[in-house]
């Protein structure tokens, strides 16, 4: 970290010294913290978290292009990593080198756009089941709905089917309970302050998290064992594809490594989409003109439109992209260097870390006009380049499930708006946008956002 220490004594960007206080500030309001750091230090700027070290961040398209174009041979995920207790060391998110290339090659076919189109009916069915009250309160006139809980339930139904082919309601209920406990147990403080990761006779937050992780892993290992007995049949889900590919691979993953990959897919594959769906509903119901325009587009498409037809609607696409611009599920993208490199003119040494603050990138005044305003029309007017708009990261480590998340968001949002008229509860209908805070592997509103069901949509 020699270059970072040198920067603290030069005219360049400086790493903050009061590490724990900075971690707490970020945990309270992630977006505001990053904007404050940039306003104080300029761009690029350093951020330091406990147990993680300092990272040089940029929030500009120029900086994003430099980082995404860094040779893959000289970058890897930072270790230790704040999310490692959740996903595990074998996770695709944390793998590097040949291991990352191999695992990504195994997973990519399961998330190819052609295969994802096959999930359209599954996504629509999961959304309809949720509105019928299958996992919570039915969406009938007068009901008050916790949008975050509902969105998590429907996206978990989708990802559990995609990953495991789960069609048994009892097994699905077990996974839902285990994943929900697991997500709830890994709080922002545990992620940002490693010193809190200590047991206390089974009663500390860390103890509760480890117990929840063990419960989920027990289910996953049982599923792996069950499916190994059926290897040879045509796989229709991600686990089947992984086991089939591993059957002839002398470097095949162990059960522990498979467990960590599956845990990653379950967590990352539904939490970020659920959060984006909540934000999309929130933003639309605070922008009556945008909501009316989208409803008109859905009405013109007709009640019998297929999921594929819905996914191709231009204004629906624009609404989803604008939601992801304002509320990127994963707000930072980081790389650790294995060779010297420069980010925006700042020399970095091997072992240093560089990153992109995605909320800043998505409000770069050189790219986005009136960046704080919800305006889906901007995505109708032009296409943005990968280093200007990067809600799922970029470069060779772009999220492998990005296409599924994007498709699922469109179909779920269209299905809800095509069947229900909602109204934000008074707390959220006016005033300041809720603060976004770390939630497990992503960020989201610090409190659940609720809606009142007004009526069904007449067809």
Protein backbone atom coordinates (compact mmCIF):
# COMPACT_ATOMS: atom_id res chain seq x y z
CA UNK A 1 0.00 0.00 0.00
CA UNK A 2 2.99 2.28 -0.51
CA UNK A 3 1.27 4.49 -3.08
CA UNK A 4 -1.66 5.08 -0.73
CA UNK A 5 0.62 6.10 2.11
CA UNK A 6 2.48 8.41 -0.22
CA UNK A 7 -0.74 10.06 -1.33
CA UNK A 8 -1.52 11.03 2.24
CA UNK A 9 1.61 13.18 2.31
CA UNK A 10 1.12 14.71 -1.14
CA UNK A 11 -1.31 17.05 -2.82
CA UNK A 12 -3.30 14.11 -4.20
CA UNK A 13 -6.34 12.40 -2.69
CA UNK A 14 -6.01 11.38 0.97
CA UNK A 15 -7.28 8.29 2.77
CA UNK A 16 -9.58 9.08 5.73
CA UNK A 17 -8.06 8.37 9.15
CA UNK A 18 -11.07 7.83 11.42
CA UNK A 19 -11.93 4.50 9.84
CA UNK A 20 -14.73 3.31 12.13
CA UNK A 21 -16.51 6.67 12.00
CA UNK A 22 -16.38 6.61 8.21
CA UNK A 23 -17.76 3.06 8.16
CA UNK A 24 -20.64 4.12 10.40
CA UNK A 25 -21.36 7.15 8.22
CA UNK A 26 -21.47 4.94 5.14
CA UNK A 27 -23.77 2.48 6.91
CA UNK A 28 -26.19 5.27 7.81
CA UNK A 29 -26.40 6.80 4.33
CA UNK A 30 -24.22 5.24 1.64
CA UNK A 31 -25.00 7.70 -1.14
CA UNK A 32 -24.57 10.81 0.98
CA UNK A 33 -21.27 9.51 2.36
CA UNK A 34 -19.78 9.01 -1.11
CA UNK A 35 -21.01 12.41 -2.28
CA UNK A 36 -19.48 14.02 0.80
CA UNK A 37 -16.13 12.33 0.17
CA UNK A 38 -16.06 13.51 -3.42
CA UNK A 39 -17.10 17.05 -2.49
CA UNK A 40 -14.32 17.11 0.10
CA UNK A 41 -11.52 15.47 -1.90
CA UNK A 42 -12.51 15.73 -5.56
CA UNK A 43 -12.43 12.81 -7.99
CA UNK A 44 -10.80 10.34 -7.52
CA UNK A 45 -10.98 10.03 -3.74
CA UNK A 46 -10.04 7.44 -1.12
CA UNK A 47 -12.38 5.48 1.14
CA UNK A 48 -11.20 3.24 3.97
CA UNK A 49 -13.23 0.64 5.87
CA UNK A 50 -12.16 -1.48 8.86
CA UNK A 51 -10.43 -4.70 7.84
CA UNK A 52 -10.66 -3.74 4.19
CA UNK A 53 -8.01 -1.08 3.71
CA UNK A 54 -8.13 2.00 1.52
CA UNK A 55 -9.56 2.06 -1.99
CA UNK A 56 -9.29 4.80 -4.60
CA UNK A 57 -12.77 5.55 -5.98
CA UNK A 58 -14.00 7.40 -9.03
CA UNK A 59 -17.50 8.43 -10.01
CA UNK A 60 -16.89 9.56 -13.58
CA UNK A 61 -17.36 7.89 -16.94
CA UNK A 62 -13.69 8.53 -17.72
CA UNK A 63 -12.63 6.73 -14.56
CA UNK A 64 -15.08 3.87 -15.12
CA UNK A 65 -13.73 3.31 -18.60
CA UNK A 66 -10.19 3.14 -17.25
CA UNK A 67 -11.12 0.61 -14.57
CA UNK A 68 -13.30 -1.60 -16.76
CA UNK A 69 -10.58 -1.70 -19.40
CA UNK A 70 -7.83 -2.68 -16.98
CA UNK A 71 -6.33 -6.00 -18.16
CA UNK A 72 -8.11 -8.89 -16.48
CA UNK A 73 -4.75 -10.48 -15.70
CA UNK A 74 -3.84 -7.70 -13.26
CA UNK A 75 -7.12 -7.37 -11.34
CA UNK A 76 -8.92 -9.53 -8.80
CA UNK A 77 -11.55 -9.11 -6.07
CA UNK A 78 -10.24 -7.50 -2.87
CA UNK A 79 -9.62 -9.89 0.01
CA UNK A 80 -10.65 -9.88 2.78
CA UNK A 81 -14.01 -8.84 1.41
CA UNK A 82 -16.96 -7.43 3.39
CA UNK A 83 -19.40 -9.92 1.82
CA UNK A 84 -17.20 -13.01 2.15
CA UNK A 85 -19.02 -14.33 5.26
CA UNK A 86 -22.20 -14.40 3.17
CA UNK A 87 -21.07 -15.85 -0.13
CA UNK A 88 -17.91 -17.78 0.82
CA UNK A 89 -14.41 -17.82 -0.62
CA UNK A 90 -15.42 -20.09 -3.53
CA UNK A 91 -18.14 -17.71 -4.73
CA UNK A 92 -17.93 -16.52 -8.33
CA UNK A 93 -18.00 -12.98 -6.95
CA UNK A 94 -14.70 -13.53 -5.12
CA UNK A 95 -12.98 -16.02 -7.44
CA UNK A 96 -10.10 -14.85 -9.61
CA UNK A 97 -7.80 -16.07 -12.36
CA UNK A 98 -8.42 -19.45 -13.93
CA UNK A 99 -10.97 -20.39 -11.24
CA UNK A 100 -13.10 -17.37 -12.14
CA UNK A 101 -12.89 -18.09 -15.87
CA UNK A 102 -13.86 -21.73 -15.36
CA UNK A 103 -16.79 -21.08 -13.02
CA UNK A 104 -18.11 -18.22 -15.14
CA UNK A 105 -17.98 -20.42 -18.24
CA UNK A 106 -20.02 -23.06 -16.38
CA UNK A 107 -22.66 -20.59 -15.20
CA UNK A 108 -23.01 -18.38 -18.28
CA UNK A 109 -25.16 -20.79 -20.37
CA UNK A 110 -27.78 -20.90 -17.60
CA UNK A 111 -28.20 -17.12 -17.86
CA UNK A 112 -28.04 -16.75 -21.64
CA UNK A 113 -30.75 -14.48 -23.03
CA UNK A 114 -32.35 -17.30 -25.03
CA UNK A 115 -32.67 -19.47 -21.94
CA UNK A 116 -33.91 -16.58 -19.82
CA UNK A 117 -36.90 -16.08 -22.12
CA UNK A 118 -38.07 -19.51 -20.99
CA UNK A 119 -38.51 -18.08 -17.48
CA UNK A 120 -41.08 -15.47 -18.51
CA UNK A 121 -44.13 -17.48 -17.48
CA UNK A 122 -42.41 -18.50 -14.24
CA UNK A 123 -41.84 -14.83 -13.35
CA UNK A 124 -45.40 -13.84 -14.20
CA UNK A 125 -46.81 -16.80 -12.28
CA UNK A 126 -44.67 -16.00 -9.22
CA UNK A 127 -45.93 -12.40 -9.28
CA UNK A 128 -49.56 -13.47 -9.59
CA UNK A 129 -49.14 -15.97 -6.75
CA UNK A 130 -47.70 -13.26 -4.53
CA UNK A 131 -50.60 -10.91 -5.28
CA UNK A 132 -53.05 -13.71 -4.51
CA UNK A 133 -51.65 -13.84 -0.96
CA UNK A 134 -49.68 -17.07 -1.18
CA UNK A 135 -46.88 -15.88 1.10
CA UNK A 136 -48.54 -12.90 2.77
CA UNK A 137 -51.61 -10.72 2.59
CA UNK A 138 -53.73 -10.89 -0.57
CA UNK A 139 -53.59 -7.78 -2.73
CA UNK A 140 -57.28 -6.89 -2.48
CA UNK A 141 -58.79 -3.41 -2.28
CA UNK A 142 -58.00 -1.85 1.09
CA UNK A 143 -55.04 -4.10 1.88
CA UNK A 144 -51.72 -2.55 2.90
CA UNK A 145 -48.73 -4.29 1.31
CA UNK A 146 -45.11 -4.38 2.46
CA UNK A 147 -43.51 -4.08 -0.98
CA UNK A 148 -40.08 -5.28 0.13
CA UNK A 149 -41.42 -8.47 1.72
CA UNK A 150 -43.62 -9.17 -1.30
CA UNK A 151 -40.83 -8.51 -3.80
CA UNK A 152 -38.42 -10.75 -1.90
CA UNK A 153 -40.95 -13.56 -1.79
CA UNK A 154 -41.70 -13.53 -5.50
CA UNK A 155 -38.07 -13.18 -6.61
CA UNK A 156 -37.01 -15.95 -4.23
CA UNK A 157 -39.64 -18.19 -5.81
CA UNK A 158 -38.15 -17.45 -9.22
CA UNK A 159 -34.49 -17.95 -8.31
CA UNK A 160 -35.14 -21.15 -6.34
CA UNK A 161 -36.81 -22.61 -9.41
CA UNK A 162 -34.07 -21.40 -11.75
CA UNK A 163 -31.31 -22.78 -9.50
CA UNK A 164 -32.93 -25.97 -8.16
CA UNK A 165 -36.05 -26.54 -10.20
CA UNK A 166 -37.98 -26.50 -6.93
CA UNK A 167 -41.59 -27.49 -7.55
CA UNK A 168 -42.47 -28.78 -4.10
CA UNK A 169 -44.17 -26.18 -1.91
CA UNK A 170 -42.84 -27.65 1.33
CA UNK A 171 -39.24 -27.50 0.07
CA UNK A 172 -39.83 -24.02 -1.28
CA UNK A 173 -41.12 -22.89 2.11
CA UNK A 174 -38.00 -24.31 3.78
CA UNK A 175 -35.73 -22.40 1.41
CA UNK A 176 -37.73 -19.21 1.78
CA UNK A 177 -37.50 -19.32 5.57
CA UNK A 178 -33.80 -20.22 5.58
CA UNK A 179 -32.78 -17.58 3.04
CA UNK A 180 -34.89 -14.90 4.75
CA UNK A 181 -33.28 -15.63 8.14
CA UNK A 182 -29.85 -15.66 6.52
CA UNK A 183 -30.36 -12.29 4.83
CA UNK A 184 -31.83 -10.70 7.94
CA UNK A 185 -28.97 -11.91 10.14
CA UNK A 186 -26.19 -10.29 8.09
CA UNK A 187 -26.64 -6.66 9.08
CA UNK A 188 -24.85 -3.61 7.75
CA UNK A 189 -22.64 -3.28 10.86
CA UNK A 190 -21.47 -6.91 10.52
CA UNK A 191 -20.55 -6.25 6.91
CA UNK A 192 -18.77 -2.94 7.42
CA UNK A 193 -17.13 -3.49 10.84
CA UNK A 194 -15.35 -6.89 11.03
CA UNK A 195 -14.53 -6.31 14.71
CA UNK A 196 -18.18 -7.14 15.45
CA UNK A 197 -17.75 -10.66 14.10
CA UNK A 198 -17.29 -12.36 17.46
CA UNK A 199 -19.44 -14.80 19.36
CA UNK A 200 -21.00 -14.26 22.78
CA UNK A 201 -22.32 -17.56 24.11
CA UNK A 202 -24.59 -17.91 21.12
CA UNK A 203 -26.35 -14.57 21.60
CA UNK A 204 -24.33 -12.06 19.57
CA UNK A 205 -25.35 -10.89 16.06
CA UNK A 206 -22.43 -12.91 14.70
CA UNK A 207 -23.67 -16.05 16.47
CA UNK A 208 -27.13 -15.55 15.00
CA UNK A 209 -25.69 -15.07 11.53
CA UNK A 210 -23.56 -18.22 11.75
CA UNK A 211 -26.56 -20.24 12.91
CA UNK A 212 -28.64 -18.95 9.99
CA UNK A 213 -25.82 -19.73 7.53
CA UNK A 214 -25.49 -23.27 8.91
CA UNK A 215 -29.22 -23.83 8.52
CA UNK A 216 -29.16 -22.71 4.89
CA UNK A 217 -26.03 -24.72 4.10
CA UNK A 218 -27.61 -27.85 5.56
CA UNK A 219 -30.47 -27.51 3.07
CA UNK A 220 -28.06 -26.86 0.20
CA UNK A 221 -25.83 -29.84 0.98
CA UNK A 222 -28.87 -32.12 1.22
CA UNK A 223 -30.00 -30.83 -2.19
CA UNK A 224 -26.55 -31.43 -3.69
CA UNK A 225 -26.48 -34.98 -2.31
CA UNK A 226 -29.98 -35.69 -3.60
CA UNK A 227 -29.17 -34.36 -7.05
CA UNK A 228 -25.86 -36.22 -7.32
CA UNK A 229 -27.89 -39.41 -7.23
CA UNK A 230 -29.74 -38.30 -10.37
CA UNK A 231 -26.76 -37.08 -12.44
CA UNK A 232 -27.20 -38.38 -15.97
CA UNK A 233 -30.69 -37.00 -16.53
CA UNK A 234 -31.10 -33.93 -18.72
CA UNK A 235 -30.50 -30.90 -16.46
CA UNK A 236 -33.15 -28.19 -16.50
CA UNK A 237 -31.78 -25.94 -13.74
CA UNK A 238 -28.48 -24.38 -12.70
CA UNK A 239 -27.54 -27.03 -10.14
CA UNK A 240 -28.18 -29.80 -12.64
CA UNK A 241 -26.01 -28.04 -15.22
CA UNK A 242 -23.18 -27.59 -12.70
CA UNK A 243 -23.28 -31.21 -11.60
CA UNK A 244 -23.48 -32.45 -15.19
CA UNK A 245 -20.52 -30.31 -16.24
CA UNK A 246 -18.54 -31.42 -13.20
CA UNK A 247 -19.08 -35.12 -13.87
CA UNK A 248 -16.23 -35.18 -16.42
CA UNK A 249 -14.12 -32.45 -14.80
CA UNK A 250 -11.12 -33.60 -12.80
CA UNK A 251 -11.02 -30.14 -11.14
CA UNK A 252 -14.69 -30.28 -10.23
CA UNK A 253 -15.95 -28.25 -7.29
CA UNK A 254 -16.25 -29.90 -3.91
CA UNK A 255 -19.61 -29.96 -2.17
CA UNK A 256 -18.47 -27.09 0.05
CA UNK A 257 -17.56 -25.01 -3.00
CA UNK A 258 -20.83 -25.87 -4.74
CA UNK A 259 -22.66 -24.86 -1.59
CA UNK A 260 -21.02 -21.43 -1.66
CA UNK A 261 -21.83 -20.96 -5.34
CA UNK A 262 -25.46 -21.87 -4.72
CA UNK A 263 -25.64 -19.59 -1.71
CA UNK A 264 -24.33 -16.75 -3.89
CA UNK A 265 -26.91 -17.41 -6.60
CA UNK A 266 -29.78 -17.55 -4.13
CA UNK A 267 -28.80 -14.35 -2.37
CA UNK A 268 -27.56 -12.27 -5.30
CA UNK A 269 -30.19 -13.69 -7.64
CA UNK A 270 -33.16 -12.33 -5.78
CA UNK A 271 -32.19 -9.59 -3.34
CA UNK A 272 -31.02 -7.08 -5.96
CA UNK A 273 -34.05 -7.64 -8.21
CA UNK A 274 -36.46 -7.40 -5.28
CA UNK A 275 -34.93 -4.07 -4.24
CA UNK A 276 -35.10 -2.71 -7.79
CA UNK A 277 -38.77 -3.70 -8.06
CA UNK A 278 -39.60 -1.83 -4.84
CA UNK A 279 -37.78 1.28 -6.05
CA UNK A 280 -39.52 1.12 -9.46
CA UNK A 281 -42.96 1.01 -7.84
CA UNK A 282 -41.98 3.81 -5.46
CA UNK A 283 -40.62 6.08 -8.20
CA UNK A 284 -43.57 5.52 -10.53
CA UNK A 285 -46.12 6.29 -7.83
CA UNK A 286 -44.32 9.57 -7.13
CA UNK A 287 -44.33 10.46 -10.85
CA UNK A 288 -47.96 10.40 -12.07
CA UNK A 289 -47.10 11.27 -15.69
CA UNK A 290 -44.60 8.42 -15.96
CA UNK A 291 -47.03 5.99 -14.34
CA UNK A 292 -49.82 7.03 -16.71
CA UNK A 293 -47.56 6.65 -19.74
CA UNK A 294 -46.46 3.16 -18.67
CA UNK A 295 -50.04 2.09 -17.95
CA UNK A 296 -51.05 3.29 -21.42
CA UNK A 297 -48.25 1.25 -22.99
CA UNK A 298 -49.31 -1.85 -21.05
CA UNK A 299 -52.95 -1.25 -21.99
CA UNK A 300 -52.04 -1.00 -25.66
CA UNK A 301 -50.09 -4.25 -25.41
CA UNK A 302 -53.26 -5.94 -24.15
CA UNK A 303 -53.98 -8.36 -21.30
CA UNK A 304 -52.90 -11.34 -23.40
CA UNK A 305 -49.41 -10.02 -24.17
CA UNK A 306 -46.75 -12.65 -23.61
CA UNK A 307 -43.83 -12.05 -21.23
CA UNK A 308 -41.57 -11.72 -24.25
CA UNK A 309 -43.80 -9.03 -25.73
CA UNK A 310 -43.91 -7.17 -22.41
CA UNK A 311 -40.13 -7.29 -22.07
CA UNK A 312 -39.82 -5.56 -25.44
CA UNK A 313 -41.96 -2.54 -24.52
CA UNK A 314 -39.75 0.55 -24.85
CA UNK A 315 -41.15 2.69 -22.04
CA UNK A 316 -41.21 -0.25 -19.62
CA UNK A 317 -37.56 -0.81 -20.43
CA UNK A 318 -36.82 2.90 -19.90
CA UNK A 319 -38.57 2.90 -16.50
CA UNK A 320 -36.53 -0.08 -15.35
CA UNK A 321 -33.25 1.42 -16.58
CA UNK A 322 -33.97 4.78 -14.94
CA UNK A 323 -34.79 2.99 -11.68
CA UNK A 324 -31.45 1.15 -11.82
CA UNK A 325 -29.68 4.44 -12.59
CA UNK A 326 -31.07 6.15 -9.50
CA UNK A 327 -30.90 3.05 -7.29
CA UNK A 328 -28.13 0.70 -8.42
CA UNK A 329 -28.49 -2.47 -6.30
CA UNK A 330 -24.73 -2.79 -5.80
CA UNK A 331 -23.35 0.72 -5.30
CA UNK A 332 -19.63 -0.01 -5.52
CA UNK A 333 -17.46 -2.02 -7.92
CA UNK A 334 -13.94 -2.76 -6.68
CA UNK A 335 -10.80 -4.41 -8.04
CA UNK A 336 -7.48 -5.17 -6.36
CA UNK A 337 -4.39 -4.81 -8.51
CA UNK A 338 -1.67 -7.41 -8.91
CA UNK A 339 0.50 -5.01 -10.94
CA UNK A 340 0.94 -1.22 -10.99
CA UNK A 341 -1.82 0.76 -12.70
CA UNK A 342 -3.11 4.35 -12.78
CA UNK A 343 -6.68 5.49 -12.20
CA UNK A 344 -7.42 9.04 -13.31
CA UNK A 345 -3.78 9.96 -13.08
CA UNK A 346 -3.19 8.53 -9.59
CA UNK A 347 -0.47 5.87 -9.56
CA UNK A 348 -1.44 2.66 -7.79
CA UNK A 349 0.86 -0.19 -6.82
CA UNK A 350 0.38 -3.92 -6.80
CA UNK A 351 -1.90 -4.72 -3.86
CA UNK A 352 -3.79 -1.41 -4.05
CA UNK A 353 -7.54 -1.28 -4.61
CA UNK A 354 -9.54 0.86 -7.03
CA UNK A 355 -13.28 1.21 -7.33
CA UNK A 356 -16.28 2.89 -8.92
CA UNK A 357 -18.95 4.60 -6.83
CA UNK A 358 -21.92 3.72 -9.05
CA UNK A 359 -24.37 6.33 -7.65
CA UNK A 360 -21.82 9.01 -8.50
CA UNK A 361 -21.23 7.52 -11.95
CA UNK A 362 -24.99 7.59 -12.57
CA UNK A 363 -25.15 11.26 -11.69
CA UNK A 364 -22.01 12.39 -13.53
CA UNK A 365 -22.96 15.88 -14.79
CA UNK A 366 -20.92 15.31 -17.97
CA UNK A 367 -23.37 12.54 -18.91
CA UNK A 368 -26.66 13.06 -17.05
CA UNK A 369 -28.66 16.29 -17.06
CA UNK A 370 -30.82 16.99 -13.98
CA UNK A 371 -29.50 13.71 -12.62
CA UNK A 372 -31.59 13.70 -9.44
CA UNK A 373 -34.88 13.65 -11.36
CA UNK A 374 -36.72 10.43 -12.23
CA UNK A 375 -36.97 10.74 -16.03
CA UNK A 376 -37.34 7.45 -17.97
CA UNK A 377 -37.49 9.46 -21.17
CA UNK A 378 -33.74 9.92 -21.10
CA UNK A 379 -33.38 6.22 -21.99
CA UNK A 380 -35.78 6.67 -24.92
CA UNK A 381 -33.76 9.55 -26.30
CA UNK A 382 -30.33 7.88 -26.35
CA UNK A 383 -28.32 4.79 -25.52
CA UNK A 384 -25.67 4.99 -22.81
CA UNK A 385 -22.29 3.34 -22.96
CA UNK A 386 -21.20 0.64 -20.48
CA UNK A 387 -18.88 3.01 -18.64
CA UNK A 388 -21.66 5.63 -18.28
CA UNK A 389 -24.40 3.28 -17.05
CA UNK A 390 -23.24 0.26 -15.05
CA UNK A 391 -25.91 -1.01 -12.61
CA UNK A 392 -24.49 -4.55 -12.82
CA UNK A 393 -20.81 -3.67 -12.92
CA UNK A 394 -18.72 -3.92 -16.05
CA UNK A 395 -15.81 -5.47 -17.83
CA UNK A 396 -15.05 -9.18 -17.56
CA UNK A 397 -16.62 -9.35 -14.08
CA UNK A 398 -20.02 -7.93 -15.00
CA UNK A 399 -22.76 -9.76 -13.06
CA UNK A 400 -23.39 -13.11 -14.75
CA UNK A 401 -27.09 -12.92 -13.85
CA UNK A 402 -27.66 -9.36 -15.12
CA UNK A 403 -29.89 -10.44 -18.02
CA UNK A 404 -32.14 -12.47 -15.72
CA UNK A 405 -32.41 -9.62 -13.21
CA UNK A 406 -33.29 -7.15 -15.96
CA UNK A 407 -35.87 -9.48 -17.52
CA UNK A 408 -37.43 -10.38 -14.18
CA UNK A 409 -37.76 -6.73 -13.17
CA UNK A 410 -39.64 -5.89 -16.38
CA UNK A 411 -42.05 -8.84 -16.23
CA UNK A 412 -42.81 -8.49 -12.49
CA UNK A 413 -43.38 -4.72 -12.75
CA UNK A 414 -45.60 -5.08 -15.83
CA UNK A 415 -47.62 -7.85 -14.17
CA UNK A 416 -48.26 -5.82 -11.01
CA UNK A 417 -49.24 -2.65 -12.86
CA UNK A 418 -51.33 -4.63 -15.32
CA UNK A 419 -53.48 -6.04 -12.52
CA UNK A 420 -53.48 -3.59 -9.59
CA UNK A 421 -53.91 0.09 -8.87
CA UNK A 422 -51.70 0.98 -5.89
CA UNK A 423 -51.16 4.10 -3.80
CA UNK A 424 -48.13 4.92 -1.68
CA UNK A 425 -48.94 5.21 1.99
CA UNK A 426 -48.83 8.80 3.31
CA UNK A 427 -45.38 8.33 4.85
CA UNK A 428 -43.82 7.77 1.43
CA UNK A 429 -46.13 9.63 -0.92
CA UNK A 430 -44.37 12.95 -0.32
CA UNK A 431 -41.18 14.30 1.11
CA UNK A 432 -37.63 13.06 0.96
CA UNK A 433 -36.64 9.87 -0.85
CA UNK A 434 -35.85 7.13 1.71
CA UNK A 435 -32.21 6.63 2.60
CA UNK A 436 -30.49 3.69 0.92
CA UNK A 437 -28.41 1.55 3.29
CA UNK A 438 -26.46 -1.74 2.99
CA UNK A 439 -28.72 -4.79 2.90
CA UNK A 440 -26.61 -7.92 2.72
CA UNK A 441 -25.07 -8.09 -0.75
CA UNK A 442 -26.80 -4.94 -2.03
CA UNK A 443 -28.32 -1.71 -0.76
CA UNK A 444 -31.96 -0.72 -0.38
CA UNK A 445 -34.38 1.56 1.46
CA UNK A 446 -33.66 1.62 5.19
CA UNK A 447 -37.31 0.86 6.01
CA UNK A 448 -39.94 -1.22 4.18
CA UNK A 449 -41.94 0.82 1.67
CA UNK A 450 -45.67 0.13 1.82
CA UNK A 451 -48.55 0.59 -0.59
CA UNK A 452 -52.33 0.52 -0.25
CA UNK A 453 -54.20 -1.52 -2.85
CA UNK A 454 -56.82 0.73 -4.43
CA UNK A 455 -58.50 -1.60 -6.93
CA UNK A 456 -58.00 -4.16 -9.66
CA UNK A 457 -57.18 -2.95 -13.15
CA UNK A 458 -60.19 -3.30 -15.45
CA UNK A 459 -59.50 -5.27 -18.62
